[in-house]
Each structure stands twice: as structure tokens, then as C-alpha cells.
N, C-alpha and C. Protein backbone atom coordinates (compact mmCIF):
# COMPACT_ATOMS: atom_id res chain seq x y z
N MET A 1 -34.51 -2.85 -13.22
CA MET A 1 -33.56 -2.01 -12.56
C MET A 1 -32.17 -2.28 -13.16
N ASN A 2 -31.50 -1.22 -13.54
CA ASN A 2 -30.17 -1.38 -14.13
C ASN A 2 -29.12 -1.46 -13.05
N LYS A 3 -28.24 -2.38 -13.21
CA LYS A 3 -27.15 -2.55 -12.26
C LYS A 3 -25.88 -1.99 -12.90
N ILE A 4 -25.24 -1.09 -12.17
CA ILE A 4 -24.00 -0.51 -12.68
C ILE A 4 -22.85 -1.33 -12.14
N THR A 5 -22.05 -1.83 -13.01
CA THR A 5 -20.89 -2.62 -12.59
C THR A 5 -19.62 -1.91 -13.02
N ARG A 6 -18.63 -2.11 -12.24
CA ARG A 6 -17.33 -1.53 -12.55
C ARG A 6 -16.53 -2.52 -13.36
N ILE A 7 -16.04 -2.09 -14.48
CA ILE A 7 -15.25 -2.96 -15.33
C ILE A 7 -13.79 -2.71 -15.03
N ARG A 8 -13.12 -3.74 -14.56
CA ARG A 8 -11.70 -3.61 -14.23
C ARG A 8 -10.88 -3.71 -15.50
N PRO A 9 -9.90 -2.85 -15.63
CA PRO A 9 -9.03 -2.96 -16.81
C PRO A 9 -8.18 -4.22 -16.70
N LYS A 10 -7.82 -4.75 -17.83
CA LYS A 10 -6.99 -5.95 -17.84
C LYS A 10 -5.56 -5.58 -17.47
N ARG A 11 -4.99 -6.34 -16.54
CA ARG A 11 -3.59 -6.16 -16.17
C ARG A 11 -2.80 -7.28 -16.80
N ILE A 12 -1.71 -6.94 -17.42
CA ILE A 12 -0.86 -7.95 -18.03
C ILE A 12 0.40 -8.07 -17.19
N SER A 13 0.69 -9.28 -16.72
CA SER A 13 1.85 -9.50 -15.86
C SER A 13 3.14 -9.51 -16.67
N LYS A 14 4.25 -9.62 -15.96
CA LYS A 14 5.56 -9.68 -16.61
C LYS A 14 5.67 -10.92 -17.49
N ARG A 15 4.91 -11.95 -17.12
CA ARG A 15 4.95 -13.18 -17.91
C ARG A 15 3.94 -13.17 -19.06
N GLY A 16 3.23 -12.05 -19.22
CA GLY A 16 2.29 -11.93 -20.32
C GLY A 16 0.91 -12.48 -20.02
N ARG A 17 0.63 -12.79 -18.76
CA ARG A 17 -0.68 -13.32 -18.40
C ARG A 17 -1.61 -12.18 -17.98
N ILE A 18 -2.88 -12.33 -18.27
CA ILE A 18 -3.87 -11.29 -17.98
C ILE A 18 -4.40 -11.50 -16.56
N ASN A 19 -4.49 -10.38 -15.80
CA ASN A 19 -5.04 -10.34 -14.45
C ASN A 19 -4.37 -11.33 -13.50
N GLU A 20 -3.07 -11.50 -13.63
CA GLU A 20 -2.34 -12.40 -12.75
C GLU A 20 -1.82 -11.62 -11.56
N GLY A 21 -1.80 -12.22 -10.40
CA GLY A 21 -1.21 -11.59 -9.22
C GLY A 21 -2.20 -10.73 -8.47
N ARG A 22 -1.68 -10.08 -7.45
CA ARG A 22 -2.49 -9.23 -6.59
C ARG A 22 -2.91 -7.98 -7.35
N PRO A 23 -4.18 -7.58 -7.25
CA PRO A 23 -4.59 -6.36 -7.94
C PRO A 23 -3.93 -5.14 -7.29
N PRO A 24 -3.65 -4.12 -8.06
CA PRO A 24 -3.01 -2.94 -7.48
C PRO A 24 -3.94 -2.22 -6.51
N LEU A 25 -3.37 -1.64 -5.48
CA LEU A 25 -4.15 -0.89 -4.50
C LEU A 25 -4.65 0.41 -5.11
N PHE A 26 -3.85 1.00 -5.97
CA PHE A 26 -4.22 2.24 -6.66
C PHE A 26 -4.12 2.00 -8.15
N GLU A 27 -5.25 2.13 -8.83
CA GLU A 27 -5.26 1.97 -10.27
C GLU A 27 -5.10 3.30 -10.99
N ASP A 28 -5.18 4.40 -10.23
CA ASP A 28 -5.08 5.73 -10.81
C ASP A 28 -4.03 6.53 -10.03
N PRO A 29 -3.01 7.04 -10.68
CA PRO A 29 -1.98 7.83 -9.98
C PRO A 29 -2.54 9.05 -9.25
N GLU A 30 -3.60 9.63 -9.79
CA GLU A 30 -4.18 10.81 -9.15
C GLU A 30 -4.79 10.46 -7.79
N LEU A 31 -5.40 9.26 -7.68
CA LEU A 31 -5.94 8.84 -6.40
C LEU A 31 -4.84 8.68 -5.36
N MET A 32 -3.70 8.13 -5.78
CA MET A 32 -2.58 7.98 -4.86
C MET A 32 -2.06 9.35 -4.44
N ALA A 33 -1.93 10.26 -5.38
CA ALA A 33 -1.44 11.61 -5.06
C ALA A 33 -2.37 12.30 -4.06
N ASN A 34 -3.68 12.14 -4.24
CA ASN A 34 -4.65 12.72 -3.31
C ASN A 34 -4.52 12.10 -1.92
N GLY A 35 -4.32 10.79 -1.87
CA GLY A 35 -4.14 10.12 -0.59
C GLY A 35 -2.87 10.57 0.13
N ILE A 36 -1.81 10.77 -0.63
CA ILE A 36 -0.55 11.23 -0.04
C ILE A 36 -0.71 12.64 0.53
N GLU A 37 -1.36 13.51 -0.21
CA GLU A 37 -1.59 14.87 0.29
C GLU A 37 -2.48 14.85 1.53
N ALA A 38 -3.46 13.95 1.57
CA ALA A 38 -4.33 13.83 2.76
C ALA A 38 -3.52 13.39 3.97
N TYR A 39 -2.56 12.51 3.78
CA TYR A 39 -1.69 12.07 4.89
C TYR A 39 -0.90 13.24 5.46
N PHE A 40 -0.27 14.02 4.57
CA PHE A 40 0.53 15.16 5.05
C PHE A 40 -0.36 16.21 5.72
N ALA A 41 -1.57 16.43 5.20
CA ALA A 41 -2.50 17.38 5.81
C ALA A 41 -2.92 16.90 7.20
N ARG A 42 -3.15 15.59 7.34
CA ARG A 42 -3.52 15.05 8.65
C ARG A 42 -2.39 15.22 9.65
N CYS A 43 -1.15 14.96 9.21
CA CYS A 43 0.01 15.13 10.11
C CYS A 43 0.13 16.58 10.55
N ASP A 44 -0.06 17.52 9.62
CA ASP A 44 0.08 18.94 9.93
C ASP A 44 -1.02 19.46 10.83
N SER A 45 -2.18 18.82 10.82
CA SER A 45 -3.32 19.34 11.58
C SER A 45 -3.43 18.75 12.99
N CYS A 46 -2.49 17.96 13.42
CA CYS A 46 -2.55 17.37 14.76
C CYS A 46 -2.45 18.47 15.81
N MET A 47 -3.22 18.32 16.85
CA MET A 47 -3.27 19.29 17.93
C MET A 47 -2.89 18.59 19.25
N ALA A 48 -2.39 19.37 20.19
CA ALA A 48 -2.08 18.87 21.52
C ALA A 48 -2.70 19.81 22.54
N GLU A 49 -2.83 19.33 23.75
CA GLU A 49 -3.42 20.16 24.81
C GLU A 49 -2.42 20.33 25.93
N LYS A 50 -2.45 21.52 26.53
CA LYS A 50 -1.57 21.82 27.65
C LYS A 50 -2.46 22.37 28.77
N ILE A 51 -2.28 21.85 29.97
CA ILE A 51 -3.05 22.31 31.11
C ILE A 51 -2.13 23.16 31.98
N ASP A 52 -2.52 24.42 32.20
CA ASP A 52 -1.67 25.29 33.03
C ASP A 52 -1.99 25.09 34.51
N SER A 53 -1.31 25.84 35.37
CA SER A 53 -1.48 25.68 36.82
C SER A 53 -2.87 26.04 37.30
N ASP A 54 -3.61 26.86 36.55
CA ASP A 54 -4.98 27.24 36.92
C ASP A 54 -6.00 26.22 36.43
N GLY A 55 -5.57 25.19 35.71
CA GLY A 55 -6.47 24.17 35.20
C GLY A 55 -7.06 24.49 33.84
N ARG A 56 -6.60 25.58 33.23
CA ARG A 56 -7.11 25.94 31.90
C ARG A 56 -6.41 25.09 30.85
N VAL A 57 -7.19 24.65 29.89
CA VAL A 57 -6.67 23.82 28.80
C VAL A 57 -6.40 24.71 27.59
N THR A 58 -5.20 24.61 27.11
CA THR A 58 -4.82 25.35 25.92
C THR A 58 -4.49 24.36 24.81
N ARG A 59 -5.12 24.53 23.66
CA ARG A 59 -4.82 23.68 22.51
C ARG A 59 -3.82 24.40 21.62
N TYR A 60 -2.86 23.64 21.12
CA TYR A 60 -1.86 24.22 20.24
C TYR A 60 -1.52 23.22 19.14
N SER A 61 -0.98 23.76 18.07
CA SER A 61 -0.60 22.92 16.93
C SER A 61 0.60 22.07 17.31
N ASN A 62 0.52 20.80 17.05
CA ASN A 62 1.61 19.87 17.33
C ASN A 62 1.69 18.87 16.18
N PRO A 63 2.30 19.28 15.05
CA PRO A 63 2.31 18.40 13.87
C PRO A 63 2.96 17.05 14.17
N ALA A 64 2.35 16.01 13.63
CA ALA A 64 2.91 14.66 13.77
C ALA A 64 4.06 14.51 12.79
N PRO A 65 5.05 13.68 13.13
CA PRO A 65 6.18 13.50 12.21
C PRO A 65 5.74 12.78 10.94
N TYR A 66 6.37 13.15 9.85
CA TYR A 66 6.15 12.45 8.59
C TYR A 66 7.02 11.20 8.60
N THR A 67 6.41 10.07 8.33
CA THR A 67 7.17 8.82 8.22
C THR A 67 6.69 8.07 6.99
N PHE A 68 7.60 7.33 6.40
CA PHE A 68 7.25 6.56 5.22
C PHE A 68 6.33 5.39 5.58
N SER A 69 6.59 4.77 6.73
CA SER A 69 5.72 3.67 7.15
C SER A 69 4.34 4.19 7.53
N GLY A 70 4.28 5.39 8.13
CA GLY A 70 2.98 6.00 8.44
C GLY A 70 2.20 6.32 7.18
N LEU A 71 2.90 6.78 6.16
CA LEU A 71 2.26 7.06 4.87
C LEU A 71 1.72 5.78 4.26
N ALA A 72 2.52 4.71 4.28
CA ALA A 72 2.06 3.43 3.71
C ALA A 72 0.83 2.93 4.46
N TYR A 73 0.84 3.03 5.78
CA TYR A 73 -0.30 2.59 6.58
C TYR A 73 -1.54 3.42 6.26
N PHE A 74 -1.37 4.73 6.17
CA PHE A 74 -2.49 5.63 5.88
C PHE A 74 -3.11 5.30 4.52
N LEU A 75 -2.28 4.94 3.55
CA LEU A 75 -2.78 4.63 2.21
C LEU A 75 -3.40 3.23 2.11
N GLY A 76 -3.22 2.40 3.13
CA GLY A 76 -3.84 1.08 3.13
C GLY A 76 -2.91 -0.06 2.76
N PHE A 77 -1.62 0.21 2.67
CA PHE A 77 -0.66 -0.85 2.35
C PHE A 77 -0.40 -1.69 3.59
N THR A 78 -0.03 -2.93 3.38
CA THR A 78 0.31 -3.81 4.49
C THR A 78 1.79 -3.73 4.85
N ASP A 79 2.56 -3.09 3.98
CA ASP A 79 4.01 -3.02 4.17
C ASP A 79 4.52 -1.81 3.39
N SER A 80 5.49 -1.10 3.96
CA SER A 80 6.01 0.08 3.25
C SER A 80 6.77 -0.32 1.98
N ASP A 81 7.25 -1.56 1.92
CA ASP A 81 7.92 -2.03 0.70
C ASP A 81 6.95 -2.07 -0.48
N ARG A 82 5.69 -2.35 -0.20
CA ARG A 82 4.69 -2.38 -1.29
C ARG A 82 4.51 -0.98 -1.88
N LEU A 83 4.59 0.05 -1.04
CA LEU A 83 4.52 1.42 -1.53
C LEU A 83 5.75 1.72 -2.39
N LEU A 84 6.90 1.24 -1.97
CA LEU A 84 8.12 1.45 -2.74
C LEU A 84 8.07 0.76 -4.10
N GLU A 85 7.31 -0.34 -4.20
CA GLU A 85 7.15 -1.03 -5.49
C GLU A 85 6.46 -0.14 -6.52
N TYR A 86 5.58 0.75 -6.05
CA TYR A 86 4.91 1.66 -6.97
C TYR A 86 5.89 2.64 -7.59
N GLU A 87 7.00 2.90 -6.91
CA GLU A 87 7.99 3.84 -7.43
C GLU A 87 8.65 3.29 -8.70
N LYS A 88 8.60 1.97 -8.89
CA LYS A 88 9.18 1.35 -10.09
C LYS A 88 8.31 1.55 -11.32
N ARG A 89 7.04 1.87 -11.11
CA ARG A 89 6.12 2.08 -12.23
C ARG A 89 6.24 3.53 -12.71
N PRO A 90 6.41 3.74 -13.99
CA PRO A 90 6.65 5.11 -14.48
C PRO A 90 5.54 6.11 -14.13
N GLU A 91 4.29 5.67 -14.15
CA GLU A 91 3.19 6.61 -13.89
C GLU A 91 3.10 7.02 -12.41
N TYR A 92 3.72 6.23 -11.51
CA TYR A 92 3.69 6.53 -10.08
C TYR A 92 5.04 7.01 -9.55
N ALA A 93 6.09 6.89 -10.34
CA ALA A 93 7.45 7.15 -9.87
C ALA A 93 7.60 8.56 -9.29
N GLY A 94 7.12 9.55 -10.01
CA GLY A 94 7.25 10.93 -9.53
C GLY A 94 6.46 11.19 -8.27
N ILE A 95 5.29 10.59 -8.16
CA ILE A 95 4.43 10.80 -6.99
C ILE A 95 5.08 10.22 -5.75
N VAL A 96 5.53 8.98 -5.83
CA VAL A 96 6.14 8.32 -4.67
C VAL A 96 7.48 8.97 -4.33
N SER A 97 8.26 9.35 -5.34
CA SER A 97 9.55 10.00 -5.09
C SER A 97 9.38 11.34 -4.37
N ARG A 98 8.39 12.12 -4.78
CA ARG A 98 8.15 13.40 -4.11
C ARG A 98 7.66 13.19 -2.68
N ALA A 99 6.86 12.16 -2.45
CA ALA A 99 6.41 11.87 -1.08
C ALA A 99 7.61 11.48 -0.21
N ARG A 100 8.48 10.64 -0.76
CA ARG A 100 9.67 10.23 -0.02
C ARG A 100 10.54 11.45 0.28
N LEU A 101 10.68 12.33 -0.69
CA LEU A 101 11.48 13.53 -0.51
C LEU A 101 10.90 14.44 0.57
N LYS A 102 9.58 14.54 0.62
CA LYS A 102 8.94 15.37 1.64
C LYS A 102 9.16 14.79 3.03
N VAL A 103 9.09 13.47 3.16
CA VAL A 103 9.36 12.81 4.44
C VAL A 103 10.81 13.06 4.85
N GLU A 104 11.74 12.88 3.91
CA GLU A 104 13.16 13.10 4.21
C GLU A 104 13.43 14.55 4.59
N SER A 105 12.80 15.50 3.91
CA SER A 105 13.06 16.91 4.22
C SER A 105 12.53 17.25 5.61
N TRP A 106 11.43 16.61 6.04
CA TRP A 106 10.93 16.85 7.39
C TRP A 106 11.97 16.40 8.41
N TRP A 107 12.52 15.20 8.20
CA TRP A 107 13.53 14.70 9.14
C TRP A 107 14.81 15.51 9.08
N GLU A 108 15.20 15.96 7.91
CA GLU A 108 16.39 16.80 7.79
C GLU A 108 16.20 18.13 8.53
N SER A 109 14.99 18.68 8.48
CA SER A 109 14.73 19.94 9.18
C SER A 109 14.85 19.77 10.70
N ARG A 110 14.63 18.56 11.18
CA ARG A 110 14.77 18.28 12.61
C ARG A 110 16.24 18.36 13.05
N LEU A 111 17.17 18.25 12.13
CA LEU A 111 18.58 18.32 12.48
C LEU A 111 18.96 19.70 13.00
N ALA A 112 18.20 20.72 12.65
CA ALA A 112 18.50 22.09 13.07
C ALA A 112 18.02 22.37 14.49
N THR A 113 17.30 21.45 15.11
CA THR A 113 16.79 21.66 16.47
C THR A 113 17.71 20.97 17.47
N ASN A 114 17.43 21.20 18.74
CA ASN A 114 18.22 20.56 19.80
C ASN A 114 17.91 19.08 19.94
N ALA A 115 16.72 18.68 19.59
CA ALA A 115 16.31 17.27 19.71
C ALA A 115 16.52 16.58 18.37
N ASN A 116 17.79 16.40 17.99
CA ASN A 116 18.06 15.86 16.67
C ASN A 116 18.57 14.43 16.65
N ASN A 117 18.71 13.79 17.81
CA ASN A 117 19.23 12.42 17.82
C ASN A 117 18.33 11.45 17.06
N GLY A 118 17.03 11.58 17.25
CA GLY A 118 16.10 10.70 16.54
C GLY A 118 16.17 10.91 15.04
N ALA A 119 16.34 12.17 14.62
CA ALA A 119 16.43 12.48 13.19
C ALA A 119 17.69 11.86 12.59
N ILE A 120 18.80 11.96 13.31
CA ILE A 120 20.05 11.37 12.83
C ILE A 120 19.88 9.87 12.68
N PHE A 121 19.29 9.23 13.70
CA PHE A 121 19.08 7.78 13.64
C PHE A 121 18.19 7.41 12.47
N TRP A 122 17.10 8.15 12.27
CA TRP A 122 16.17 7.83 11.18
C TRP A 122 16.84 7.98 9.83
N LEU A 123 17.58 9.06 9.63
CA LEU A 123 18.21 9.30 8.34
C LEU A 123 19.26 8.24 8.02
N LYS A 124 19.93 7.70 9.02
CA LYS A 124 20.95 6.68 8.79
C LYS A 124 20.35 5.31 8.50
N ASN A 125 19.19 5.03 9.05
CA ASN A 125 18.65 3.67 9.00
C ASN A 125 17.50 3.49 8.04
N ARG A 126 17.16 4.48 7.27
CA ARG A 126 16.07 4.31 6.31
C ARG A 126 16.60 3.60 5.06
N PRO A 127 15.70 3.08 4.24
CA PRO A 127 16.16 2.41 3.02
C PRO A 127 16.86 3.39 2.07
N LYS A 128 17.87 2.93 1.40
CA LYS A 128 18.63 3.72 0.42
C LYS A 128 19.21 4.98 1.05
N ALA A 129 19.74 4.87 2.25
CA ALA A 129 20.25 6.04 2.96
C ALA A 129 21.63 6.45 2.47
N PRO A 130 21.76 7.67 1.94
CA PRO A 130 23.10 8.13 1.56
C PRO A 130 23.94 8.50 2.77
N TRP A 131 23.30 8.67 3.96
CA TRP A 131 24.03 9.03 5.16
C TRP A 131 24.36 7.82 6.01
N ARG A 132 24.20 6.66 5.47
CA ARG A 132 24.39 5.43 6.24
C ARG A 132 25.83 5.32 6.73
N GLU A 133 25.96 4.96 8.02
CA GLU A 133 27.28 4.67 8.56
C GLU A 133 27.60 3.24 8.16
N LYS A 134 28.63 3.12 7.41
CA LYS A 134 28.95 1.80 6.89
C LYS A 134 30.40 1.49 7.24
N ILE A 135 30.59 0.46 7.98
CA ILE A 135 31.93 0.03 8.31
C ILE A 135 32.19 -1.23 7.50
N GLU A 136 33.12 -1.11 6.59
CA GLU A 136 33.43 -2.25 5.74
C GLU A 136 34.67 -2.95 6.30
N VAL A 137 34.51 -4.21 6.59
CA VAL A 137 35.61 -5.01 7.09
C VAL A 137 35.94 -6.02 6.01
N GLU A 138 37.19 -6.00 5.60
CA GLU A 138 37.60 -6.92 4.56
C GLU A 138 38.59 -7.90 5.17
N GLU A 139 38.24 -9.14 5.13
CA GLU A 139 39.12 -10.18 5.65
C GLU A 139 39.56 -11.07 4.51
N SER A 140 40.82 -11.43 4.56
CA SER A 140 41.30 -12.38 3.57
C SER A 140 42.33 -13.27 4.23
N ALA A 141 42.34 -14.47 3.82
CA ALA A 141 43.31 -15.43 4.34
C ALA A 141 43.75 -16.31 3.18
N GLU A 142 45.04 -16.54 3.14
CA GLU A 142 45.55 -17.45 2.11
C GLU A 142 45.52 -18.85 2.67
N ILE A 143 44.93 -19.72 1.97
CA ILE A 143 44.88 -21.12 2.38
C ILE A 143 45.85 -21.87 1.48
N PRO A 144 46.84 -22.51 2.11
CA PRO A 144 47.81 -23.23 1.29
C PRO A 144 47.18 -24.42 0.59
N THR A 145 47.68 -24.70 -0.57
CA THR A 145 47.19 -25.85 -1.31
C THR A 145 47.77 -27.12 -0.71
N LEU A 146 47.20 -28.23 -1.06
CA LEU A 146 47.70 -29.51 -0.56
C LEU A 146 49.14 -29.72 -1.00
N GLY A 147 49.46 -29.30 -2.20
CA GLY A 147 50.84 -29.43 -2.69
C GLY A 147 51.82 -28.65 -1.85
N GLN A 148 51.45 -27.42 -1.45
CA GLN A 148 52.33 -26.62 -0.60
C GLN A 148 52.53 -27.27 0.75
N ILE A 149 51.49 -27.84 1.29
CA ILE A 149 51.61 -28.52 2.59
C ILE A 149 52.52 -29.73 2.47
N LEU A 150 52.34 -30.53 1.42
CA LEU A 150 53.18 -31.72 1.24
C LEU A 150 54.65 -31.34 1.00
N ASP A 151 54.89 -30.27 0.24
CA ASP A 151 56.26 -29.81 0.03
C ASP A 151 56.92 -29.44 1.34
N ARG A 152 56.20 -28.77 2.17
CA ARG A 152 56.76 -28.36 3.45
C ARG A 152 56.96 -29.53 4.38
N LEU A 153 56.07 -30.51 4.31
CA LEU A 153 56.22 -31.69 5.17
C LEU A 153 57.40 -32.55 4.73
N ASN A 154 57.57 -32.70 3.42
CA ASN A 154 58.59 -33.63 2.91
C ASN A 154 59.90 -32.95 2.52
N GLY A 155 59.86 -31.73 2.12
CA GLY A 155 61.03 -31.12 1.51
C GLY A 155 61.80 -30.19 2.40
N LYS A 156 61.39 -28.95 2.40
CA LYS A 156 62.16 -27.87 2.98
C LYS A 156 62.51 -28.09 4.45
N HIS A 157 61.57 -28.52 5.20
CA HIS A 157 61.73 -28.58 6.64
C HIS A 157 61.90 -30.01 7.13
N ALA A 158 62.70 -30.79 6.45
CA ALA A 158 62.88 -32.20 6.81
C ALA A 158 63.58 -32.35 8.15
N SER A 159 64.39 -31.36 8.54
CA SER A 159 65.10 -31.46 9.81
C SER A 159 64.15 -31.34 10.99
N GLN A 160 63.02 -30.71 10.79
CA GLN A 160 62.04 -30.57 11.86
C GLN A 160 60.84 -31.46 11.57
N LYS A 161 60.24 -31.98 12.59
CA LYS A 161 59.02 -32.76 12.41
C LYS A 161 57.86 -31.79 12.39
N LEU A 162 57.25 -31.66 11.24
CA LEU A 162 56.13 -30.73 11.09
C LEU A 162 54.83 -31.48 10.87
N THR A 163 53.79 -30.88 11.34
CA THR A 163 52.45 -31.41 11.07
C THR A 163 51.79 -30.49 10.04
N ALA A 164 50.68 -30.92 9.54
CA ALA A 164 49.95 -30.10 8.57
C ALA A 164 49.51 -28.79 9.20
N ILE A 165 49.15 -28.81 10.47
CA ILE A 165 48.74 -27.58 11.17
C ILE A 165 49.90 -26.60 11.24
N ASP A 166 51.12 -27.10 11.50
CA ASP A 166 52.29 -26.23 11.52
C ASP A 166 52.50 -25.57 10.17
N CYS A 167 52.29 -26.32 9.10
CA CYS A 167 52.49 -25.77 7.76
C CYS A 167 51.48 -24.67 7.45
N VAL A 168 50.26 -24.90 7.87
CA VAL A 168 49.23 -23.88 7.64
C VAL A 168 49.54 -22.64 8.47
N THR A 169 49.98 -22.83 9.72
CA THR A 169 50.32 -21.71 10.58
C THR A 169 51.47 -20.92 9.99
N GLU A 170 52.49 -21.61 9.46
CA GLU A 170 53.63 -20.94 8.85
C GLU A 170 53.19 -20.16 7.62
N HIS A 171 52.32 -20.76 6.82
CA HIS A 171 51.85 -20.11 5.59
C HIS A 171 51.09 -18.83 5.90
N GLN A 172 50.38 -18.80 7.02
CA GLN A 172 49.59 -17.63 7.38
C GLN A 172 50.40 -16.62 8.18
N GLY A 173 51.70 -16.81 8.30
CA GLY A 173 52.55 -15.81 8.98
C GLY A 173 52.77 -16.10 10.44
N GLY A 174 52.35 -17.27 10.92
CA GLY A 174 52.55 -17.62 12.31
C GLY A 174 53.96 -18.12 12.56
N GLU A 175 54.20 -18.51 13.76
CA GLU A 175 55.53 -19.00 14.13
C GLU A 175 55.43 -20.49 14.44
N TYR A 176 56.61 -21.16 14.33
CA TYR A 176 56.66 -22.55 14.71
C TYR A 176 56.60 -22.67 16.21
N ARG A 177 56.12 -23.85 16.66
CA ARG A 177 56.09 -24.08 18.11
C ARG A 177 57.42 -24.54 18.58
């Protein structure tokens, strides 16, 4: 009886070693593309039921939201960051980028509805968000050198008894006690 075995292609790591590290989840870009399309088809085909006052059940289309973490889970990844790592590979870059774009466009389309708070939150807090609210606070303080402190203690202000803390306070724009 002949046994058919699958021969894995050799993977060369960044360090030049063969078959080092975790094997890729998708060895063929076409398989990943098919899986991504299956995820979007599954989201689009979700149904919901509504029961009217007479007790009749009505089924209607209720598409599930597209999410990047949902896509990663559907494809079998343990983390959405692992899916993003595929975007760095040239043969997968276009596939993952288009999937990300489709997820983003779904959330952007939600902005046109009345229930858009969740969409705004999602768009601001996703990785690499161009809509991110960013408050930049810049703090700076001048710290006097030991020489400046000694000059102030011994020289300029000899008429007053100053401590090192007073000199630092004066240097930072504070007032004497």
C-alpha cells in the first residue's frame, strides 16, 4: 500500500536557518484569500428572528459586523497581530490590506446611521488609526546645574540665607519664601 505524504517546503528564517520558528498558518496566499472571503460571506448571511404580537416568527437578514479580530479568529489565528504579520510578506500584503480595508469601510458606513457611536469608537481605537484622538502633552523643566546652585548660594544672594531648594525654585520661575 502506498502512503502519500505531504512534503513541506523548506522555510528559511531571517537568520538563514531552515524550518526555524513556528510554521505559517497559511502556506498559500490563495487559501488565505478564500478564507477571508468565507468570513465576509458568513457575516453577510447572518439571520435574525422577530416574533410579532400574533406569535409568528419572521426571519430577516441581520449581517454581523466585520471585525479584524473576528476575521483573525475565523482564520484560526490566536491573535489578530499574527494576521497583521502576514501583511509584511509581499505575497500576502495585498490580501490582508484589502481585508483590512473592507473591515474599515464597513465601520465607516456605520457613520451614516443614527447608531454611530460604536463606529466612531472603533475607528479611533483600532491599530494604525488615522482618526485617532491624540492629545500631546509636552512638559519640560530646566534643572539647574550644581554650579548654578553654588553660585546662587555663595554669590549673588549673599544677603539672604538661601537653601538649595530655594535656588531650584528660583531657577524654575518660583518666588522666594
